[in-house]
């Protein structure tokens, strides 16, 4: 199963740049870029920081690729 995220969409919707987000979360812009491109899964700590930073439910930010289709079918 692959973890998919909507961080880029949420970040753009909130008007936050990759640089600003990286500074606020004390990570590199390259890390932000890799996470947004699903090349890197954030640690649990960073995932929780992202949820808090954007103030969104976890289900809006992350989902398992395999379960998404099954969930939508119900």
Protein backbone atom coordinates (compact mmCIF):
# COMPACT_ATOMS: atom_id res chain seq x y z
CA UNK A 1 0.00 0.00 0.00
CA UNK A 2 1.20 3.46 -0.83
CA UNK A 3 0.55 6.55 1.28
CA UNK A 4 -0.78 9.41 -0.82
CA UNK A 5 -0.91 12.97 0.43
CA UNK A 6 -2.63 16.19 -0.54
CA UNK A 7 -0.08 18.49 1.09
CA UNK A 8 0.64 20.47 -2.09
CA UNK A 9 -3.05 21.10 -2.78
CA UNK A 10 -3.69 22.12 0.83
CA UNK A 11 -0.58 24.32 0.90
CA UNK A 12 -1.56 26.11 -2.31
CA UNK A 13 -5.16 26.53 -1.15
CA UNK A 14 -3.88 28.20 2.05
CA UNK A 15 -1.47 30.41 0.08
CA UNK A 16 1.71 29.10 1.69
CA UNK A 17 4.96 28.76 -0.25
CA UNK A 18 7.26 25.77 0.08
CA UNK A 19 9.92 28.06 1.55
CA UNK A 20 7.56 29.50 4.19
CA UNK A 21 6.28 26.05 5.12
CA UNK A 22 9.83 24.69 5.39
CA UNK A 23 10.90 27.59 7.60
CA UNK A 24 7.84 27.28 9.84
CA UNK A 25 8.29 23.52 10.28
CA UNK A 26 12.10 23.71 10.50
CA UNK A 27 12.68 21.38 7.56
CA UNK A 28 14.28 21.98 4.17
CA UNK A 29 12.40 23.08 1.07
CA UNK A 30 13.79 19.97 -0.61
CA UNK A 31 12.05 17.83 2.02
CA UNK A 32 8.78 19.64 1.37
CA UNK A 33 9.21 19.07 -2.36
CA UNK A 34 9.98 15.35 -1.91
CA UNK A 35 6.96 14.84 0.36
CA UNK A 36 4.65 16.66 -2.05
CA UNK A 37 5.86 14.47 -4.93
CA UNK A 38 5.27 11.32 -2.83
CA UNK A 39 8.98 10.46 -3.05
CA UNK A 40 9.27 10.56 0.73
CA UNK A 41 6.80 9.81 3.50
CA UNK A 42 7.07 12.16 6.45
CA UNK A 43 7.81 10.74 9.87
CA UNK A 44 4.86 10.39 12.21
CA UNK A 45 6.06 13.47 14.10
CA UNK A 46 6.27 15.55 10.92
CA UNK A 47 2.90 14.25 9.69
CA UNK A 48 1.30 15.36 12.95
CA UNK A 49 3.02 18.75 12.67
CA UNK A 50 1.66 19.12 9.12
CA UNK A 51 -1.87 18.33 10.26
CA UNK A 52 -1.58 20.87 13.06
CA UNK A 53 0.11 23.46 10.81
CA UNK A 54 -2.66 23.36 8.23
CA UNK A 55 -5.41 22.61 10.75
CA UNK A 56 -6.98 19.83 8.66
CA UNK A 57 -8.16 16.32 9.55
CA UNK A 58 -5.67 13.55 8.87
CA UNK A 59 -8.05 12.00 6.31
CA UNK A 60 -7.93 15.19 4.24
CA UNK A 61 -4.13 15.17 4.12
CA UNK A 62 -3.20 11.47 3.93
CA UNK A 63 -4.75 8.21 2.75
CA UNK A 64 -3.66 4.74 1.74
CA UNK A 65 -3.91 4.34 -2.02
CA UNK A 66 -5.48 0.87 -1.84
CA UNK A 67 -8.19 1.84 0.66
CA UNK A 68 -9.23 5.06 -1.10
CA UNK A 69 -11.12 3.28 -3.89
CA UNK A 70 -12.81 0.86 -1.48
CA UNK A 71 -13.87 3.71 0.78
CA UNK A 72 -15.36 5.67 -2.13
CA UNK A 73 -17.33 2.64 -3.32
CA UNK A 74 -19.37 2.46 -0.10
